[in-house]
C-alpha atoms as a PDB file:
ATOM      1  CA  UNK A   1      40.251   4.904  49.310  1.00  0.00           C
ATOM      2  CA  UNK A   2      39.647   4.620  45.260  1.00  0.00           C
ATOM      3  CA  UNK A   3      40.633   8.455  45.276  1.00  0.00           C
ATOM      4  CA  UNK A   4      44.136   9.070  46.968  1.00  0.00           C
ATOM      5  CA  UNK A   5      45.085   5.329  46.931  1.00  0.00           C
ATOM      6  CA  UNK A   6      43.993   4.389  43.576  1.00  0.00           C
ATOM      7  CA  UNK A   7      42.575   1.082  44.985  1.00  0.00           C
ATOM      8  CA  UNK A   8      40.177  -1.063  43.793  1.00  0.00           C
ATOM      9  CA  UNK A   9      39.013  -5.037  43.956  1.00  0.00           C
ATOM     10  CA  UNK A  10      39.521  -7.123  46.429  1.00  0.00           C
ATOM     11  CA  UNK A  11      42.710  -4.754  47.707  1.00  0.00           C
ATOM     12  CA  UNK A  12      40.234  -2.345  47.957  1.00  0.00           C
ATOM     13  CA  UNK A  13      37.950  -4.858  50.487  1.00  0.00           C
ATOM     14  CA  UNK A  14      41.270  -6.160  51.855  1.00  0.00           C
ATOM     15  CA  UNK A  15      42.609  -2.488  52.913  1.00  0.00           C
ATOM     16  CA  UNK A  16      39.532  -1.207  54.266  1.00  0.00           C
ATOM     17  CA  UNK A  17      38.531  -4.654  56.006  1.00  0.00           C
ATOM     18  CA  UNK A  18      42.411  -3.914  57.631  1.00  0.00           C
ATOM     19  CA  UNK A  19      41.943  -0.438  58.099  1.00  0.00           C
ATOM     20  CA  UNK A  20      37.987  -0.989  60.106  1.00  0.00           C
ATOM     21  CA  UNK A  21      40.538  -2.892  62.873  1.00  0.00           C
ATOM     22  CA  UNK A  22      43.661  -0.420  63.145  1.00  0.00           C
ATOM     23  CA  UNK A  23      42.213   2.745  62.283  1.00  0.00           C
ATOM     24  CA  UNK A  24      42.432   3.855  66.242  1.00  0.00           C
ATOM     25  CA  UNK A  25      46.480   3.386  65.822  1.00  0.00           C
ATOM     26  CA  UNK A  26      46.522   0.897  68.900  1.00  0.00           C
ATOM     27  CA  UNK A  27      44.537  -2.166  67.468  1.00  0.00           C
ATOM     28  CA  UNK A  28      45.099  -4.772  64.532  1.00  0.00           C
ATOM     29  CA  UNK A  29      43.663  -6.743  62.298  1.00  0.00           C
ATOM     30  CA  UNK A  30      44.492 -10.369  64.174  1.00  0.00           C
ATOM     31  CA  UNK A  31      41.868 -12.899  61.452  1.00  0.00           C
ATOM     32  CA  UNK A  32      42.436 -15.322  59.650  1.00  0.00           C
ATOM     33  CA  UNK A  33      42.981 -15.694  55.682  1.00  0.00           C
ATOM     34  CA  UNK A  34      39.538 -17.710  55.590  1.00  0.00           C
ATOM     35  CA  UNK A  35      38.157 -14.753  57.717  1.00  0.00           C
ATOM     36  CA  UNK A  36      39.669 -12.067  54.627  1.00  0.00           C
ATOM     37  CA  UNK A  37      38.700 -14.505  51.818  1.00  0.00           C
ATOM     38  CA  UNK A  38      35.121 -15.087  52.760  1.00  0.00           C
ATOM     39  CA  UNK A  39      34.221 -11.661  53.007  1.00  0.00           C
ATOM     40  CA  UNK A  40      35.593 -10.484  49.668  1.00  0.00           C
ATOM     41  CA  UNK A  41      34.219 -13.578  48.408  1.00  0.00           C
ATOM     42  CA  UNK A  42      37.744 -14.699  47.379  1.00  0.00           C
ATOM     43  CA  UNK A  43      40.117 -17.432  48.210  1.00  0.00           C
ATOM     44  CA  UNK A  44      43.330 -17.706  50.671  1.00  0.00           C
ATOM     45  CA  UNK A  45      45.866 -17.529  47.791  1.00  0.00           C
ATOM     46  CA  UNK A  46      43.881 -14.744  45.820  1.00  0.00           C
ATOM     47  CA  UNK A  47      44.253 -12.781  49.731  1.00  0.00           C
ATOM     48  CA  UNK A  48      47.652 -13.637  49.777  1.00  0.00           C
ATOM     49  CA  UNK A  49      48.393 -11.900  46.557  1.00  0.00           C
ATOM     50  CA  UNK A  50      46.154  -9.184  47.814  1.00  0.00           C
ATOM     51  CA  UNK A  51      48.244  -8.656  50.798  1.00  0.00           C
ATOM     52  CA  UNK A  52      51.574  -8.985  49.163  1.00  0.00           C
ATOM     53  CA  UNK A  53      50.937  -5.541  47.319  1.00  0.00           C
ATOM     54  CA  UNK A  54      49.630  -3.759  50.358  1.00  0.00           C
ATOM     55  CA  UNK A  55      52.581  -4.425  51.939  1.00  0.00           C
ATOM     56  CA  UNK A  56      54.557  -3.704  48.383  1.00  0.00           C
ATOM     57  CA  UNK A  57      52.919   0.093  48.426  1.00  0.00           C
ATOM     58  CA  UNK A  58      53.656   0.222  51.898  1.00  0.00           C
ATOM     59  CA  UNK A  59      49.771   0.703  53.188  1.00  0.00           C
ATOM     60  CA  UNK A  60      49.885  -1.674  55.314  1.00  0.00           C
ATOM     61  CA  UNK A  61      52.552  -3.090  58.539  1.00  0.00           C
ATOM     62  CA  UNK A  62      52.626  -6.665  58.891  1.00  0.00           C
ATOM     63  CA  UNK A  63      53.664  -8.177  62.873  1.00  0.00           C
ATOM     64  CA  UNK A  64      54.382 -11.774  63.161  1.00  0.00           C
ATOM     65  CA  UNK A  65      54.827 -13.928  66.420  1.00  0.00           C
ATOM     66  CA  UNK A  66      55.809 -17.308  66.579  1.00  0.00           C
ATOM     67  CA  UNK A  67      53.901 -19.696  69.152  1.00  0.00           C
ATOM     68  CA  UNK A  68      55.948 -23.289  68.873  1.00  0.00           C
ATOM     69  CA  UNK A  69      55.767 -24.071  65.666  1.00  0.00           C
ATOM     70  CA  UNK A  70      53.070 -22.217  64.035  1.00  0.00           C
ATOM     71  CA  UNK A  71      53.020 -18.533  62.971  1.00  0.00           C
ATOM     72  CA  UNK A  72      50.921 -15.941  63.697  1.00  0.00           C
ATOM     73  CA  UNK A  73      50.484 -12.998  61.389  1.00  0.00           C
ATOM     74  CA  UNK A  74      48.663  -9.359  62.323  1.00  0.00           C
ATOM     75  CA  UNK A  75      47.853  -6.023  59.954  1.00  0.00           C
ATOM     76  CA  UNK A  76      47.740  -3.049  60.491  1.00  0.00           C
ATOM     77  CA  UNK A  77      47.340   0.220  58.327  1.00  0.00           C
ATOM     78  CA  UNK A  78      50.399   1.562  58.165  1.00  0.00           C
ATOM     79  CA  UNK A  79      49.532   5.516  59.867  1.00  0.00           C
ATOM     80  CA  UNK A  80      53.070   7.033  59.360  1.00  0.00           C
ATOM     81  CA  UNK A  81      52.739   6.800  55.641  1.00  0.00           C
ATOM     82  CA  UNK A  82      49.938   8.632  55.421  1.00  0.00           C
ATOM     83  CA  UNK A  83      50.093  11.018  58.298  1.00  0.00           C
ATOM     84  CA  UNK A  84      53.899  11.925  56.977  1.00  0.00           C
ATOM     85  CA  UNK A  85      51.916  14.301  53.935  1.00  0.00           C
ATOM     86  CA  UNK A  86      52.136  11.322  51.165  1.00  0.00           C
ATOM     87  CA  UNK A  87      48.822  10.705  51.547  1.00  0.00           C
ATOM     88  CA  UNK A  88      45.479  13.033  53.472  1.00  0.00           C
ATOM     89  CA  UNK A  89      43.768   9.535  54.076  1.00  0.00           C
ATOM     90  CA  UNK A  90      44.367   9.760  57.631  1.00  0.00           C
ATOM     91  CA  UNK A  91      44.018  13.613  58.110  1.00  0.00           C
ATOM     92  CA  UNK A  92      40.588  14.029  58.962  1.00  0.00           C
ATOM     93  CA  UNK A  93      40.070  14.247  62.514  1.00  0.00           C
ATOM     94  CA  UNK A  94      36.568  13.165  64.598  1.00  0.00           C
ATOM     95  CA  UNK A  95      35.731  13.080  68.635  1.00  0.00           C
ATOM     96  CA  UNK A  96      34.617  10.075  69.106  1.00  0.00           C
ATOM     97  CA  UNK A  97      34.029   8.823  73.168  1.00  0.00           C
ATOM     98  CA  UNK A  98      35.727  12.224  74.395  1.00  0.00           C
ATOM     99  CA  UNK A  99      38.902  10.555  72.207  1.00  0.00           C
ATOM    100  CA  UNK A 100      40.162  11.919  69.327  1.00  0.00           C
ATOM    101  CA  UNK A 101      40.288   9.085  66.525  1.00  0.00           C
ATOM    102  CA  UNK A 102      40.793   8.892  63.050  1.00  0.00           C
ATOM    103  CA  UNK A 103      38.710   8.469  60.670  1.00  0.00           C
ATOM    104  CA  UNK A 104      37.675   8.235  56.774  1.00  0.00           C
ATOM    105  CA  UNK A 105      35.811  10.784  54.872  1.00  0.00           C
ATOM    106  CA  UNK A 106      35.199   7.929  51.712  1.00  0.00           C
ATOM    107  CA  UNK A 107      34.743   4.643  54.457  1.00  0.00           C
ATOM    108  CA  UNK A 108      33.549   2.217  52.025  1.00  0.00           C
ATOM    109  CA  UNK A 109      30.595   0.683  55.051  1.00  0.00           C
ATOM    110  CA  UNK A 110      29.439   4.567  55.518  1.00  0.00           C
ATOM    111  CA  UNK A 111      28.934   4.741  51.806  1.00  0.00           C
ATOM    112  CA  UNK A 112      27.352   1.837  51.715  1.00  0.00           C
ATOM    113  CA  UNK A 113      25.480   2.630  55.069  1.00  0.00           C
ATOM    114  CA  UNK A 114      23.816   5.468  52.544  1.00  0.00           C
ATOM    115  CA  UNK A 115      26.751   7.706  53.578  1.00  0.00           C
ATOM    116  CA  UNK A 116      25.268   8.357  57.436  1.00  0.00           C
ATOM    117  CA  UNK A 117      27.201   9.075  60.508  1.00  0.00           C
ATOM    118  CA  UNK A 118      27.669   5.936  62.443  1.00  0.00           C
ATOM    119  CA  UNK A 119      25.062   5.479  65.389  1.00  0.00           C
ATOM    120  CA  UNK A 120      25.275   3.566  68.662  1.00  0.00           C
ATOM    121  CA  UNK A 121      22.017   2.024  68.951  1.00  0.00           C
ATOM    122  CA  UNK A 122      21.250   0.201  71.638  1.00  0.00           C
ATOM    123  CA  UNK A 123      21.348  -3.757  72.631  1.00  0.00           C
ATOM    124  CA  UNK A 124      17.804  -3.777  72.704  1.00  0.00           C
ATOM    125  CA  UNK A 125      17.474  -1.815  69.388  1.00  0.00           C
ATOM    126  CA  UNK A 126      20.292  -4.121  67.467  1.00  0.00           C
ATOM    127  CA  UNK A 127      18.558  -7.246  68.703  1.00  0.00           C
ATOM    128  CA  UNK A 128      15.601  -6.322  67.381  1.00  0.00           C
ATOM    129  CA  UNK A 129      17.449  -5.595  64.021  1.00  0.00           C
ATOM    130  CA  UNK A 130      18.518  -8.964  64.286  1.00  0.00           C
ATOM    131  CA  UNK A 131      15.277 -10.492  64.691  1.00  0.00           C
ATOM    132  CA  UNK A 132      14.779  -9.225  61.671  1.00  0.00           C
ATOM    133  CA  UNK A 133      17.100 -11.199  60.163  1.00  0.00           C
ATOM    134  CA  UNK A 134      16.955 -14.293  62.093  1.00  0.00           C
ATOM    135  CA  UNK A 135      13.194 -14.235  60.482  1.00  0.00           C
ATOM    136  CA  UNK A 136      13.849 -13.744  57.156  1.00  0.00           C
ATOM    137  CA  UNK A 137      16.379 -16.606  57.474  1.00  0.00           C
ATOM    138  CA  UNK A 138      13.676 -18.710  58.907  1.00  0.00           C
ATOM    139  CA  UNK A 139      15.759 -19.753  62.247  1.00  0.00           C
ATOM    140  CA  UNK A 140      13.988 -22.168  64.162  1.00  0.00           C
ATOM    141  CA  UNK A 141      15.201 -21.095  68.118  1.00  0.00           C
ATOM    142  CA  UNK A 142      14.821 -17.317  67.304  1.00  0.00           C
ATOM    143  CA  UNK A 143      15.149 -16.474  70.809  1.00  0.00           C
ATOM    144  CA  UNK A 144      17.802 -18.695  71.489  1.00  0.00           C
ATOM    145  CA  UNK A 145      19.965 -16.845  68.942  1.00  0.00           C
ATOM    146  CA  UNK A 146      18.854 -13.490  70.888  1.00  0.00           C
ATOM    147  CA  UNK A 147      20.073 -14.719  73.639  1.00  0.00           C
ATOM    148  CA  UNK A 148      23.577 -15.380  72.231  1.00  0.00           C
ATOM    149  CA  UNK A 149      23.650 -12.326  69.897  1.00  0.00           C
ATOM    150  CA  UNK A 150      23.039 -10.555  73.169  1.00  0.00           C
ATOM    151  CA  UNK A 151      26.148 -11.747  75.145  1.00  0.00           C
ATOM    152  CA  UNK A 152      28.259 -10.736  71.772  1.00  0.00           C
ATOM    153  CA  UNK A 153      27.346  -7.349  72.033  1.00  0.00           C
ATOM    154  CA  UNK A 154      28.059  -6.791  75.640  1.00  0.00           C
ATOM    155  CA  UNK A 155      30.988  -8.196  74.935  1.00  0.00           C
ATOM    156  CA  UNK A 156      31.587  -5.641  72.154  1.00  0.00           C
ATOM    157  CA  UNK A 157      30.209  -2.818  74.206  1.00  0.00           C
ATOM    158  CA  UNK A 158      32.739  -3.787  77.266  1.00  0.00           C
ATOM    159  CA  UNK A 159      35.837  -4.268  74.206  1.00  0.00           C
ATOM    160  CA  UNK A 160      34.241  -0.082  73.440  1.00  0.00           C
ATOM    161  CA  UNK A 161      33.930  -1.857  69.517  1.00  0.00           C
ATOM    162  CA  UNK A 162      30.604  -0.166  68.103  1.00  0.00           C
ATOM    163  CA  UNK A 163      29.959  -2.061  64.788  1.00  0.00           C
ATOM    164  CA  UNK A 164      27.663  -0.028  61.979  1.00  0.00           C
ATOM    165  CA  UNK A 165      24.577  -1.008  61.116  1.00  0.00           C
ATOM    166  CA  UNK A 166      26.072  -3.307  57.951  1.00  0.00           C
ATOM    167  CA  UNK A 167      28.959  -4.404  60.286  1.00  0.00           C
ATOM    168  CA  UNK A 168      26.276  -5.806  62.419  1.00  0.00           C
ATOM    169  CA  UNK A 169      24.154  -7.104  59.924  1.00  0.00           C
ATOM    170  CA  UNK A 170      27.022  -9.211  57.966  1.00  0.00           C
ATOM    171  CA  UNK A 171      27.894 -10.074  61.444  1.00  0.00           C
ATOM    172  CA  UNK A 172      24.373 -12.036  62.505  1.00  0.00           C
ATOM    173  CA  UNK A 173      24.743 -13.711  58.658  1.00  0.00           C
ATOM    174  CA  UNK A 174      28.146 -15.085  60.159  1.00  0.00           C
ATOM    175  CA  UNK A 175      27.325 -16.494  62.924  1.00  0.00           C
ATOM    176  CA  UNK A 176      24.515 -18.280  60.891  1.00  0.00           C
ATOM    177  CA  UNK A 177      26.413 -19.752  58.175  1.00  0.00           C
ATOM    178  CA  UNK A 178      29.071 -20.761  60.797  1.00  0.00           C
ATOM    179  CA  UNK A 179      26.842 -22.621  62.633  1.00  0.00           C
ATOM    180  CA  UNK A 180      24.251 -23.694  60.533  1.00  0.00           C
ATOM    181  CA  UNK A 181      21.179 -22.407  62.046  1.00  0.00           C
ATOM    182  CA  UNK A 182      22.081 -24.710  65.033  1.00  0.00           C
ATOM    183  CA  UNK A 183      21.315 -23.126  68.146  1.00  0.00           C
ATOM    184  CA  UNK A 184      23.900 -25.514  69.789  1.00  0.00           C
ATOM    185  CA  UNK A 185      26.918 -24.796  67.736  1.00  0.00           C
ATOM    186  CA  UNK A 186      26.079 -21.308  67.900  1.00  0.00           C
ATOM    187  CA  UNK A 187      26.388 -21.353  71.573  1.00  0.00           C
ATOM    188  CA  UNK A 188      30.493 -22.956  71.310  1.00  0.00           C
ATOM    189  CA  UNK A 189      30.798 -20.583  68.904  1.00  0.00           C
ATOM    190  CA  UNK A 190      30.236 -17.402  70.540  1.00  0.00           C
ATOM    191  CA  UNK A 191      32.169 -19.062  73.841  1.00  0.00           C
ATOM    192  CA  UNK A 192      35.280 -19.784  71.498  1.00  0.00           C
ATOM    193  CA  UNK A 193      35.249 -16.286  70.140  1.00  0.00           C
ATOM    194  CA  UNK A 194      35.007 -14.512  73.687  1.00  0.00           C
ATOM    195  CA  UNK A 195      37.098 -16.415  75.254  1.00  0.00           C
ATOM    196  CA  UNK A 196      40.357 -16.003  72.986  1.00  0.00           C
ATOM    197  CA  UNK A 197      39.241 -12.046  73.007  1.00  0.00           C
ATOM    198  CA  UNK A 198      38.347 -12.279  69.377  1.00  0.00           C
ATOM    199  CA  UNK A 199      37.093  -9.161  67.505  1.00  0.00           C
ATOM    200  CA  UNK A 200      34.616 -11.289  65.354  1.00  0.00           C
ATOM    201  CA  UNK A 201      33.197 -14.206  65.306  1.00  0.00           C
ATOM    202  CA  UNK A 202      35.431 -17.154  64.123  1.00  0.00           C
ATOM    203  CA  UNK A 203      34.552 -21.071  63.935  1.00  0.00           C
ATOM    204  CA  UNK A 204      35.894 -23.304  66.844  1.00  0.00           C
ATOM    205  CA  UNK A 205      39.386 -24.420  66.770  1.00  0.00           C
ATOM    206  CA  UNK A 206      39.923 -22.429  63.597  1.00  0.00           C
ATOM    207  CA  UNK A 207      43.827 -22.175  62.592  1.00  0.00           C
ATOM    208  CA  UNK A 208      45.353 -19.010  62.678  1.00  0.00           C
ATOM    209  CA  UNK A 209      47.233 -16.929  60.142  1.00  0.00           C
END
């Protein structure tokens, strides 16, 4: 992304997030502007500028749907552009669960994770790591949160979605942040996110963009 697409700063981060959700050529990023703003430590206006630049460069594709008076936007990586030979970003393929999926040689998350291949840790392994995070964050109802995290991991497993190590850590911390470390709030958030078939954890009744 850095060397071949010449991306940097929040524009790079926004593209990496969208690519992470859509690299299977079937899924799309349907999160909110606030989601992108949170993970890039930016503002909604700043994210909109990043999205506009990426669209102008034809690196991503935007799809819009209208439901009543509300317009919903989803984004995905423009794989046709990269597979056409203009860029070699998508050229590398690896076998994953018996199927061929696109992978990113210089993926940011993998680099942060010490360039190790993503491991499909068991739910039990993830829960042990979650416990460490909960203890470090001084959460009162650790056992209650572990139950919620297990429910969420089971849901993700059923959707055949696997977290990287750092991705899982960020998801747990996001749940703590959105719930103010309160079990009841966290329970509502998990229930809301699953009921709406979201790929990520979102606050209850958050407006979608």
